[in-house]
Amino acid sequence: ALDSAGGVHAVYAANAADSQGHRPAYYAYCASDCSGTGRFASVALGDGLGDAQIQLTAAGKPRLLLATQPTSTSVIQHEYWSCDANCLQSTSWTGTVVVEAGTPFFPSNAESTQSFALDAQGRPRFIFQSNDIGSGIALAGAYLASCDAGCTSAASWRLAQLDEDRLDQLCGAI
């Protein structure tokens, strides 16, 4: 993402665990002349990453959506992270688990497509899918998660179900 001053903000998930056994996301920033990797500075955030997405507010502040699998391969945690200053220091970031979702019964890689956006007022929104079969998660189908204020608190987020596409309903119709 590019800010109004031409700075480049990026986020990506590690391909493998680091020397401490963690698999973080990396937020990276380059203020100018971003022609090579040596021009970027970065900071590690989170653990157990599967996907990382970035958006910038109108003021150029980074907002992240991270999808992690910290404890189980059948559960995905969707985490929202924000930073308003000194974003190359991990202590400047605040994050929260917005929602836990069950992994799809038949993964299609659609789970990691770009679904994170900020509205015109800079408020975060994202779409996710959840499978309740075998995950222990009560959510099933597609959902919109949205927050209007205080978004680093999980209690500030709302979920709206978009559809109820579930495997057990599909099998009953056959």
N, C-alpha and C. Protein backbone atom coordinates (compact mmCIF):
# COMPACT_ATOMS: atom_id res chain seq x y z
N ALA A 1 0.85 -1.17 0.00
CA ALA A 1 0.00 0.00 0.00
C ALA A 1 0.89 1.24 0.00
N LEU A 2 0.48 2.25 -0.73
CA LEU A 2 1.24 3.50 -0.81
C LEU A 2 0.55 4.59 0.00
N ASP A 3 1.34 5.34 0.80
CA ASP A 3 0.76 6.46 1.51
C ASP A 3 0.90 7.73 0.67
N SER A 4 0.32 8.84 1.11
CA SER A 4 0.30 10.07 0.32
C SER A 4 1.68 10.67 0.10
N ALA A 5 2.67 10.30 0.93
CA ALA A 5 4.04 10.80 0.77
C ALA A 5 4.89 9.89 -0.11
N GLY A 6 4.29 8.82 -0.62
CA GLY A 6 5.02 7.88 -1.48
C GLY A 6 5.68 6.74 -0.74
N GLY A 7 5.47 6.65 0.57
CA GLY A 7 6.01 5.53 1.35
C GLY A 7 5.28 4.24 1.02
N VAL A 8 6.01 3.15 1.07
CA VAL A 8 5.44 1.83 0.77
C VAL A 8 5.28 1.05 2.08
N HIS A 9 4.06 0.59 2.33
CA HIS A 9 3.74 -0.24 3.50
C HIS A 9 3.40 -1.62 2.96
N ALA A 10 3.91 -2.66 3.61
CA ALA A 10 3.62 -4.03 3.16
C ALA A 10 3.45 -4.93 4.37
N VAL A 11 2.73 -6.02 4.20
CA VAL A 11 2.61 -7.05 5.22
C VAL A 11 2.64 -8.39 4.50
N TYR A 12 3.31 -9.35 5.12
CA TYR A 12 3.36 -10.69 4.54
C TYR A 12 3.56 -11.70 5.66
N ALA A 13 3.09 -12.90 5.43
CA ALA A 13 3.23 -13.99 6.40
C ALA A 13 4.51 -14.75 6.09
N ALA A 14 5.19 -15.17 7.14
CA ALA A 14 6.40 -15.97 6.98
C ALA A 14 6.06 -17.30 6.33
N ASN A 15 6.96 -17.79 5.47
CA ASN A 15 6.75 -19.08 4.82
C ASN A 15 7.00 -20.26 5.75
N ALA A 16 7.82 -20.05 6.78
CA ALA A 16 8.16 -21.12 7.71
C ALA A 16 8.43 -20.51 9.07
N ALA A 17 8.56 -21.37 10.07
CA ALA A 17 8.84 -20.91 11.42
C ALA A 17 10.24 -20.32 11.51
N ASP A 18 10.40 -19.30 12.38
CA ASP A 18 11.72 -18.70 12.59
C ASP A 18 12.52 -19.54 13.59
N SER A 19 13.69 -19.06 13.99
CA SER A 19 14.58 -19.83 14.87
C SER A 19 13.98 -20.09 16.25
N GLN A 20 12.98 -19.30 16.65
CA GLN A 20 12.30 -19.53 17.93
C GLN A 20 11.04 -20.39 17.78
N GLY A 21 10.78 -20.88 16.58
CA GLY A 21 9.61 -21.71 16.33
C GLY A 21 8.33 -20.94 16.06
N HIS A 22 8.43 -19.63 15.85
CA HIS A 22 7.26 -18.79 15.57
C HIS A 22 7.12 -18.57 14.07
N ARG A 23 5.88 -18.36 13.63
CA ARG A 23 5.60 -18.05 12.23
C ARG A 23 4.82 -16.74 12.20
N PRO A 24 5.54 -15.60 12.28
CA PRO A 24 4.87 -14.30 12.37
C PRO A 24 4.48 -13.73 11.02
N ALA A 25 3.77 -12.62 11.11
CA ALA A 25 3.60 -11.73 9.95
C ALA A 25 4.68 -10.68 10.08
N TYR A 26 5.06 -10.10 8.98
CA TYR A 26 6.03 -9.01 9.00
C TYR A 26 5.39 -7.77 8.38
N TYR A 27 5.42 -6.68 9.14
CA TYR A 27 5.05 -5.38 8.60
C TYR A 27 6.35 -4.74 8.14
N ALA A 28 6.37 -4.25 6.91
CA ALA A 28 7.58 -3.62 6.36
C ALA A 28 7.22 -2.24 5.84
N TYR A 29 8.19 -1.32 5.93
CA TYR A 29 7.98 0.05 5.49
C TYR A 29 9.25 0.58 4.83
N CYS A 30 9.04 1.34 3.76
CA CYS A 30 10.11 2.05 3.07
C CYS A 30 9.59 3.45 2.75
N ALA A 31 10.34 4.47 3.19
CA ALA A 31 9.89 5.86 3.01
C ALA A 31 10.08 6.36 1.58
N SER A 32 11.17 5.94 0.92
CA SER A 32 11.43 6.42 -0.45
C SER A 32 12.46 5.52 -1.13
N ASP A 33 12.57 5.64 -2.46
CA ASP A 33 13.52 4.85 -3.24
C ASP A 33 13.45 3.37 -2.84
N CYS A 34 12.28 2.79 -2.98
CA CYS A 34 12.01 1.43 -2.52
C CYS A 34 12.33 0.39 -3.59
N SER A 35 13.45 0.54 -4.26
CA SER A 35 13.81 -0.33 -5.37
C SER A 35 14.41 -1.66 -4.95
N GLY A 36 14.77 -1.83 -3.69
CA GLY A 36 15.36 -3.08 -3.25
C GLY A 36 14.96 -3.43 -1.84
N THR A 37 15.12 -4.70 -1.48
CA THR A 37 14.72 -5.15 -0.16
C THR A 37 15.50 -4.47 0.96
N GLY A 38 16.73 -4.06 0.70
CA GLY A 38 17.54 -3.39 1.70
C GLY A 38 17.00 -2.03 2.11
N ARG A 39 16.08 -1.48 1.35
CA ARG A 39 15.49 -0.17 1.66
C ARG A 39 14.34 -0.27 2.66
N PHE A 40 13.88 -1.48 2.92
CA PHE A 40 12.74 -1.70 3.82
C PHE A 40 13.22 -2.05 5.22
N ALA A 41 12.52 -1.56 6.22
CA ALA A 41 12.69 -1.99 7.60
C ALA A 41 11.43 -2.76 7.97
N SER A 42 11.54 -3.76 8.85
CA SER A 42 10.36 -4.56 9.17
C SER A 42 10.31 -4.92 10.64
N VAL A 43 9.14 -5.37 11.06
CA VAL A 43 8.90 -5.81 12.42
C VAL A 43 7.99 -7.04 12.37
N ALA A 44 8.25 -8.02 13.25
CA ALA A 44 7.44 -9.24 13.33
C ALA A 44 6.24 -9.01 14.24
N LEU A 45 5.09 -9.54 13.82
CA LEU A 45 3.85 -9.43 14.59
C LEU A 45 3.12 -10.77 14.58
N GLY A 46 2.53 -11.14 15.69
CA GLY A 46 1.69 -12.33 15.74
C GLY A 46 2.46 -13.62 15.65
N ASP A 47 1.73 -14.73 15.49
CA ASP A 47 2.32 -16.05 15.39
C ASP A 47 1.30 -16.99 14.74
N GLY A 48 1.78 -18.05 14.11
CA GLY A 48 0.91 -19.04 13.49
C GLY A 48 0.20 -18.52 12.26
N LEU A 49 0.85 -17.63 11.52
CA LEU A 49 0.20 -16.93 10.41
C LEU A 49 -0.09 -17.81 9.21
N GLY A 50 -1.26 -17.60 8.64
CA GLY A 50 -1.63 -18.23 7.40
C GLY A 50 -1.88 -17.19 6.31
N ASP A 51 -2.29 -15.99 6.70
CA ASP A 51 -2.60 -14.95 5.73
C ASP A 51 -2.46 -13.60 6.40
N ALA A 52 -2.07 -12.60 5.61
CA ALA A 52 -1.91 -11.23 6.13
C ALA A 52 -2.36 -10.26 5.05
N GLN A 53 -3.18 -9.27 5.45
CA GLN A 53 -3.68 -8.26 4.53
C GLN A 53 -3.49 -6.88 5.15
N ILE A 54 -3.29 -5.86 4.30
CA ILE A 54 -3.03 -4.51 4.78
C ILE A 54 -3.92 -3.50 4.07
N GLN A 55 -4.32 -2.47 4.80
CA GLN A 55 -4.99 -1.30 4.27
C GLN A 55 -4.41 -0.10 5.01
N LEU A 56 -4.47 1.07 4.40
CA LEU A 56 -4.04 2.31 5.05
C LEU A 56 -5.23 3.23 5.25
N THR A 57 -5.25 3.92 6.38
CA THR A 57 -6.27 4.95 6.59
C THR A 57 -5.94 6.13 5.68
N ALA A 58 -6.85 7.09 5.58
CA ALA A 58 -6.60 8.29 4.78
C ALA A 58 -5.36 9.03 5.26
N ALA A 59 -5.02 8.90 6.55
CA ALA A 59 -3.83 9.55 7.12
C ALA A 59 -2.58 8.69 6.96
N GLY A 60 -2.70 7.54 6.28
CA GLY A 60 -1.54 6.69 6.03
C GLY A 60 -1.18 5.76 7.17
N LYS A 61 -2.12 5.51 8.10
CA LYS A 61 -1.87 4.62 9.23
C LYS A 61 -2.20 3.18 8.81
N PRO A 62 -1.29 2.23 9.07
CA PRO A 62 -1.53 0.84 8.65
C PRO A 62 -2.54 0.13 9.54
N ARG A 63 -3.38 -0.65 8.89
CA ARG A 63 -4.33 -1.53 9.56
C ARG A 63 -4.16 -2.90 8.93
N LEU A 64 -4.11 -3.94 9.77
CA LEU A 64 -3.84 -5.30 9.29
C LEU A 64 -4.96 -6.25 9.67
N LEU A 65 -5.19 -7.22 8.81
CA LEU A 65 -6.04 -8.36 9.12
C LEU A 65 -5.14 -9.59 8.99
N LEU A 66 -4.99 -10.33 10.10
CA LEU A 66 -4.17 -11.52 10.10
C LEU A 66 -5.04 -12.73 10.37
N ALA A 67 -4.78 -13.81 9.67
CA ALA A 67 -5.47 -15.08 9.92
C ALA A 67 -4.44 -16.05 10.47
N THR A 68 -4.71 -16.56 11.67
CA THR A 68 -3.76 -17.44 12.34
C THR A 68 -4.41 -18.77 12.68
N GLN A 69 -3.57 -19.78 12.85
CA GLN A 69 -4.01 -21.07 13.35
C GLN A 69 -3.11 -21.43 14.54
N PRO A 70 -3.31 -20.76 15.67
CA PRO A 70 -2.38 -20.93 16.78
C PRO A 70 -2.48 -22.24 17.54
N THR A 71 -3.66 -22.85 17.60
CA THR A 71 -3.82 -24.02 18.46
C THR A 71 -4.32 -25.25 17.74
N SER A 72 -4.98 -25.10 16.63
CA SER A 72 -5.62 -26.25 15.99
C SER A 72 -5.71 -26.01 14.49
N THR A 73 -5.59 -27.07 13.72
CA THR A 73 -5.72 -26.91 12.27
C THR A 73 -7.17 -26.76 11.85
N SER A 74 -8.13 -26.93 12.78
CA SER A 74 -9.54 -26.78 12.41
C SER A 74 -10.11 -25.43 12.81
N VAL A 75 -9.28 -24.54 13.38
CA VAL A 75 -9.74 -23.23 13.81
C VAL A 75 -8.83 -22.15 13.24
N ILE A 76 -9.45 -21.08 12.72
CA ILE A 76 -8.71 -19.91 12.25
C ILE A 76 -9.12 -18.73 13.11
N GLN A 77 -8.15 -17.99 13.62
CA GLN A 77 -8.43 -16.76 14.35
C GLN A 77 -8.20 -15.59 13.40
N HIS A 78 -9.20 -14.73 13.26
CA HIS A 78 -9.06 -13.51 12.46
C HIS A 78 -8.71 -12.39 13.44
N GLU A 79 -7.52 -11.79 13.24
CA GLU A 79 -7.01 -10.77 14.15
C GLU A 79 -6.92 -9.43 13.44
N TYR A 80 -7.33 -8.37 14.13
CA TYR A 80 -7.21 -7.01 13.62
C TYR A 80 -6.08 -6.32 14.39
N TRP A 81 -5.17 -5.67 13.66
CA TRP A 81 -4.04 -4.97 14.25
C TRP A 81 -4.01 -3.54 13.72
N SER A 82 -3.61 -2.60 14.59
CA SER A 82 -3.48 -1.21 14.15
C SER A 82 -2.26 -0.57 14.80
N CYS A 83 -1.76 0.47 14.13
CA CYS A 83 -0.62 1.24 14.63
C CYS A 83 -0.79 2.67 14.14
N ASP A 84 -0.52 3.63 15.03
CA ASP A 84 -0.66 5.04 14.67
C ASP A 84 0.66 5.79 14.63
N ALA A 85 1.74 5.24 15.20
CA ALA A 85 3.05 5.90 15.20
C ALA A 85 4.13 4.88 15.53
N ASN A 86 5.35 5.11 15.07
CA ASN A 86 6.48 4.22 15.34
C ASN A 86 6.17 2.76 15.00
N CYS A 87 5.62 2.53 13.82
CA CYS A 87 5.09 1.21 13.46
C CYS A 87 6.17 0.16 13.19
N LEU A 88 7.43 0.54 13.22
CA LEU A 88 8.50 -0.44 13.06
C LEU A 88 8.95 -0.98 14.42
N GLN A 89 8.20 -0.67 15.47
CA GLN A 89 8.42 -1.21 16.81
C GLN A 89 7.19 -2.04 17.19
N SER A 90 7.41 -3.29 17.56
CA SER A 90 6.27 -4.17 17.86
C SER A 90 5.40 -3.64 18.99
N THR A 91 5.97 -2.90 19.92
CA THR A 91 5.19 -2.37 21.05
C THR A 91 4.22 -1.26 20.63
N SER A 92 4.38 -0.74 19.40
CA SER A 92 3.48 0.30 18.90
C SER A 92 2.20 -0.27 18.31
N TRP A 93 2.15 -1.56 18.14
CA TRP A 93 1.00 -2.23 17.54
C TRP A 93 0.04 -2.74 18.61
N THR A 94 -1.25 -2.66 18.31
CA THR A 94 -2.29 -3.23 19.16
C THR A 94 -3.12 -4.18 18.30
N GLY A 95 -3.34 -5.38 18.82
CA GLY A 95 -4.12 -6.36 18.06
C GLY A 95 -5.11 -7.08 18.94
N THR A 96 -6.14 -7.62 18.31
CA THR A 96 -7.16 -8.39 19.03
C THR A 96 -7.68 -9.49 18.12
N VAL A 97 -8.08 -10.59 18.72
CA VAL A 97 -8.77 -11.65 17.98
C VAL A 97 -10.21 -11.20 17.83
N VAL A 98 -10.62 -10.96 16.59
CA VAL A 98 -11.99 -10.52 16.32
C VAL A 98 -12.96 -11.68 16.40
N VAL A 99 -12.59 -12.80 15.76
CA VAL A 99 -13.49 -13.95 15.71
C VAL A 99 -12.68 -15.21 15.43
N GLU A 100 -13.15 -16.32 15.98
CA GLU A 100 -12.61 -17.62 15.63
C GLU A 100 -13.59 -18.28 14.67
N ALA A 101 -13.05 -18.87 13.62
CA ALA A 101 -13.87 -19.53 12.60
C ALA A 101 -13.37 -20.95 12.40
N GLY A 102 -14.27 -21.82 12.00
CA GLY A 102 -13.88 -23.19 11.66
C GLY A 102 -13.33 -23.22 10.25
N THR A 103 -12.29 -24.01 10.05
CA THR A 103 -11.72 -24.12 8.70
C THR A 103 -12.69 -24.83 7.78
N PRO A 104 -12.65 -24.52 6.50
CA PRO A 104 -13.55 -25.17 5.54
C PRO A 104 -13.32 -26.68 5.49
N PHE A 105 -14.40 -27.42 5.31
CA PHE A 105 -14.32 -28.87 5.21
C PHE A 105 -13.51 -29.27 3.99
N PHE A 106 -13.72 -28.56 2.89
CA PHE A 106 -12.96 -28.77 1.66
C PHE A 106 -12.27 -27.46 1.32
N PRO A 107 -11.04 -27.22 1.82
CA PRO A 107 -10.35 -25.95 1.55
C PRO A 107 -10.22 -25.68 0.06
N SER A 108 -10.45 -24.42 -0.31
CA SER A 108 -10.40 -24.04 -1.73
C SER A 108 -9.42 -22.92 -1.99
N ASN A 109 -8.71 -22.45 -0.98
CA ASN A 109 -7.82 -21.29 -1.04
C ASN A 109 -8.60 -19.98 -1.17
N ALA A 110 -9.92 -20.04 -1.25
CA ALA A 110 -10.71 -18.81 -1.27
C ALA A 110 -10.62 -18.12 0.08
N GLU A 111 -10.23 -18.89 1.11
CA GLU A 111 -10.15 -18.33 2.46
C GLU A 111 -9.09 -17.24 2.54
N SER A 112 -8.08 -17.27 1.67
CA SER A 112 -7.00 -16.30 1.76
C SER A 112 -7.06 -15.23 0.67
N THR A 113 -8.21 -15.08 0.05
CA THR A 113 -8.35 -14.02 -0.93
C THR A 113 -8.54 -12.69 -0.23
N GLN A 114 -8.29 -11.61 -0.95
CA GLN A 114 -8.41 -10.27 -0.37
C GLN A 114 -9.86 -10.00 0.03
N SER A 115 -10.09 -9.82 1.30
CA SER A 115 -11.45 -9.57 1.78
C SER A 115 -11.49 -8.41 2.77
N PHE A 116 -10.36 -7.78 3.04
CA PHE A 116 -10.24 -6.76 4.07
C PHE A 116 -10.25 -5.38 3.43
N ALA A 117 -11.06 -4.48 3.99
CA ALA A 117 -11.15 -3.11 3.46
C ALA A 117 -11.46 -2.15 4.59
N LEU A 118 -11.14 -0.89 4.36
CA LEU A 118 -11.55 0.20 5.24
C LEU A 118 -12.60 1.00 4.48
N ASP A 119 -13.66 1.40 5.16
CA ASP A 119 -14.67 2.22 4.48
C ASP A 119 -14.16 3.66 4.39
N ALA A 120 -14.98 4.55 3.87
CA ALA A 120 -14.57 5.95 3.64
C ALA A 120 -14.17 6.67 4.92
N GLN A 121 -14.64 6.18 6.07
CA GLN A 121 -14.28 6.78 7.35
C GLN A 121 -13.10 6.06 8.02
N GLY A 122 -12.51 5.08 7.32
CA GLY A 122 -11.37 4.34 7.86
C GLY A 122 -11.74 3.21 8.80
N ARG A 123 -13.02 2.80 8.79
CA ARG A 123 -13.48 1.73 9.67
C ARG A 123 -13.28 0.37 8.99
N PRO A 124 -12.76 -0.62 9.73
CA PRO A 124 -12.44 -1.92 9.12
C PRO A 124 -13.66 -2.80 8.90
N ARG A 125 -13.58 -3.55 7.78
CA ARG A 125 -14.58 -4.55 7.42
C ARG A 125 -13.84 -5.72 6.76
N PHE A 126 -14.32 -6.94 7.00
CA PHE A 126 -13.79 -8.09 6.26
C PHE A 126 -14.83 -9.19 6.19
N ILE A 127 -14.66 -10.04 5.20
CA ILE A 127 -15.55 -11.18 4.98
C ILE A 127 -14.76 -12.45 5.29
N PHE A 128 -15.40 -13.40 5.94
CA PHE A 128 -14.76 -14.68 6.21
C PHE A 128 -15.79 -15.79 6.13
N GLN A 129 -15.30 -17.02 6.01
CA GLN A 129 -16.16 -18.19 6.01
C GLN A 129 -15.82 -19.04 7.21
N SER A 130 -16.81 -19.77 7.71
CA SER A 130 -16.61 -20.65 8.84
C SER A 130 -17.36 -21.96 8.62
N ASN A 131 -16.74 -23.04 9.06
CA ASN A 131 -17.33 -24.36 8.97
C ASN A 131 -17.53 -24.88 10.39
N ASP A 132 -18.74 -25.25 10.74
CA ASP A 132 -18.99 -25.75 12.09
C ASP A 132 -18.78 -27.25 12.23
N ILE A 133 -18.55 -27.97 11.15
CA ILE A 133 -18.39 -29.42 11.20
C ILE A 133 -16.98 -29.77 11.66
N GLY A 134 -16.87 -30.40 12.81
CA GLY A 134 -15.60 -30.87 13.33
C GLY A 134 -14.68 -29.81 13.90
N SER A 135 -15.10 -28.55 13.92
CA SER A 135 -14.21 -27.48 14.39
C SER A 135 -14.51 -27.05 15.82
N GLY A 136 -15.71 -27.37 16.30
CA GLY A 136 -16.10 -26.90 17.62
C GLY A 136 -16.55 -25.44 17.61
N ILE A 137 -16.62 -24.84 16.45
CA ILE A 137 -17.05 -23.45 16.28
C ILE A 137 -18.51 -23.45 15.84
N ALA A 138 -19.33 -22.64 16.47
CA ALA A 138 -20.77 -22.63 16.18
C ALA A 138 -21.14 -21.84 14.92
N LEU A 139 -20.20 -21.14 14.31
CA LEU A 139 -20.49 -20.35 13.11
C LEU A 139 -20.40 -21.21 11.86
N ALA A 140 -21.39 -21.06 10.98
CA ALA A 140 -21.37 -21.78 9.70
C ALA A 140 -21.84 -20.85 8.60
N GLY A 141 -21.07 -20.76 7.52
CA GLY A 141 -21.44 -19.93 6.39
C GLY A 141 -20.47 -18.79 6.19
N ALA A 142 -20.93 -17.77 5.47
CA ALA A 142 -20.12 -16.58 5.20
C ALA A 142 -20.61 -15.43 6.06
N TYR A 143 -19.67 -14.62 6.54
CA TYR A 143 -19.98 -13.53 7.46
C TYR A 143 -19.25 -12.25 7.06
N LEU A 144 -19.85 -11.13 7.42
CA LEU A 144 -19.20 -9.82 7.34
C LEU A 144 -18.90 -9.40 8.77
N ALA A 145 -17.62 -9.09 9.06
CA ALA A 145 -17.22 -8.55 10.35
C ALA A 145 -16.98 -7.06 10.16
N SER A 146 -17.53 -6.23 11.05
CA SER A 146 -17.36 -4.79 10.92
C SER A 146 -17.21 -4.15 12.30
N CYS A 147 -16.53 -3.00 12.30
CA CYS A 147 -16.30 -2.26 13.53
C CYS A 147 -16.33 -0.77 13.21
N ASP A 148 -16.98 0.01 14.06
CA ASP A 148 -17.09 1.44 13.83
C ASP A 148 -16.21 2.27 14.76
N ALA A 149 -15.85 1.75 15.93
CA ALA A 149 -15.01 2.48 16.88
C ALA A 149 -14.43 1.50 17.89
N GLY A 150 -13.27 1.82 18.45
CA GLY A 150 -12.66 0.96 19.46
C GLY A 150 -12.30 -0.41 18.92
N CYS A 151 -11.81 -0.48 17.71
CA CYS A 151 -11.65 -1.74 16.99
C CYS A 151 -10.54 -2.66 17.51
N THR A 152 -9.73 -2.18 18.43
CA THR A 152 -8.74 -3.06 19.03
C THR A 152 -9.32 -3.83 20.22
N SER A 153 -10.61 -3.70 20.45
CA SER A 153 -11.34 -4.49 21.43
C SER A 153 -12.29 -5.42 20.68
N ALA A 154 -12.20 -6.71 20.95
CA ALA A 154 -13.06 -7.68 20.27
C ALA A 154 -14.54 -7.38 20.47
N ALA A 155 -14.91 -6.80 21.60
CA ALA A 155 -16.31 -6.50 21.90
C ALA A 155 -16.90 -5.43 20.99
N SER A 156 -16.06 -4.67 20.30
CA SER A 156 -16.54 -3.60 19.42
C SER A 156 -16.94 -4.10 18.03
N TRP A 157 -16.65 -5.35 17.73
CA TRP A 157 -16.92 -5.90 16.40
C TRP A 157 -18.30 -6.53 16.33
N ARG A 158 -18.93 -6.41 15.15
CA ARG A 158 -20.23 -7.02 14.88
C ARG A 158 -20.08 -8.02 13.74
N LEU A 159 -20.84 -9.09 13.80
CA LEU A 159 -20.87 -10.09 12.73
C LEU A 159 -22.27 -10.11 12.11
N ALA A 160 -22.30 -10.16 10.78
CA ALA A 160 -23.56 -10.31 10.05
C ALA A 160 -23.42 -11.50 9.11
N GLN A 161 -24.31 -12.47 9.25
CA GLN A 161 -24.24 -13.64 8.39
C GLN A 161 -24.71 -13.29 6.99
N LEU A 162 -23.92 -13.66 5.99
CA LEU A 162 -24.25 -13.38 4.59
C LEU A 162 -24.95 -14.56 3.93
N ASP A 163 -24.56 -15.78 4.29
CA ASP A 163 -25.25 -16.98 3.80
C ASP A 163 -25.02 -18.12 4.78
N GLU A 164 -25.80 -19.17 4.60
CA GLU A 164 -25.73 -20.33 5.48
C GLU A 164 -25.22 -21.55 4.75
N ASP A 165 -24.36 -21.39 3.76
CA ASP A 165 -23.86 -22.50 2.95
C ASP A 165 -23.12 -23.49 3.84
N ARG A 166 -23.77 -24.63 4.07
CA ARG A 166 -23.20 -25.66 4.93
C ARG A 166 -23.28 -27.00 4.25
N LEU A 167 -22.28 -27.84 4.50
CA LEU A 167 -22.21 -29.16 3.89
C LEU A 167 -23.42 -30.03 4.28
N ASP A 168 -23.84 -29.99 5.55
CA ASP A 168 -24.95 -30.86 5.96
C ASP A 168 -26.26 -30.45 5.29
N GLN A 169 -26.45 -29.16 4.99
CA GLN A 169 -27.64 -28.73 4.27
C GLN A 169 -27.58 -29.18 2.81
N LEU A 170 -26.39 -29.13 2.23
CA LEU A 170 -26.21 -29.56 0.86
C LEU A 170 -26.49 -31.04 0.71
N CYS A 171 -26.00 -31.86 1.65
CA CYS A 171 -26.19 -33.32 1.59
C CYS A 171 -27.66 -33.67 1.76
N GLY A 172 -28.42 -32.91 2.56
CA GLY A 172 -29.82 -33.18 2.76
C GLY A 172 -30.65 -32.91 1.52
N ALA A 173 -30.15 -32.07 0.62
CA ALA A 173 -30.89 -31.73 -0.58
C ALA A 173 -30.66 -32.73 -1.71
N ILE A 174 -29.69 -33.60 -1.53
CA ILE A 174 -29.34 -34.57 -2.61
C ILE A 174 -30.23 -35.77 -2.56
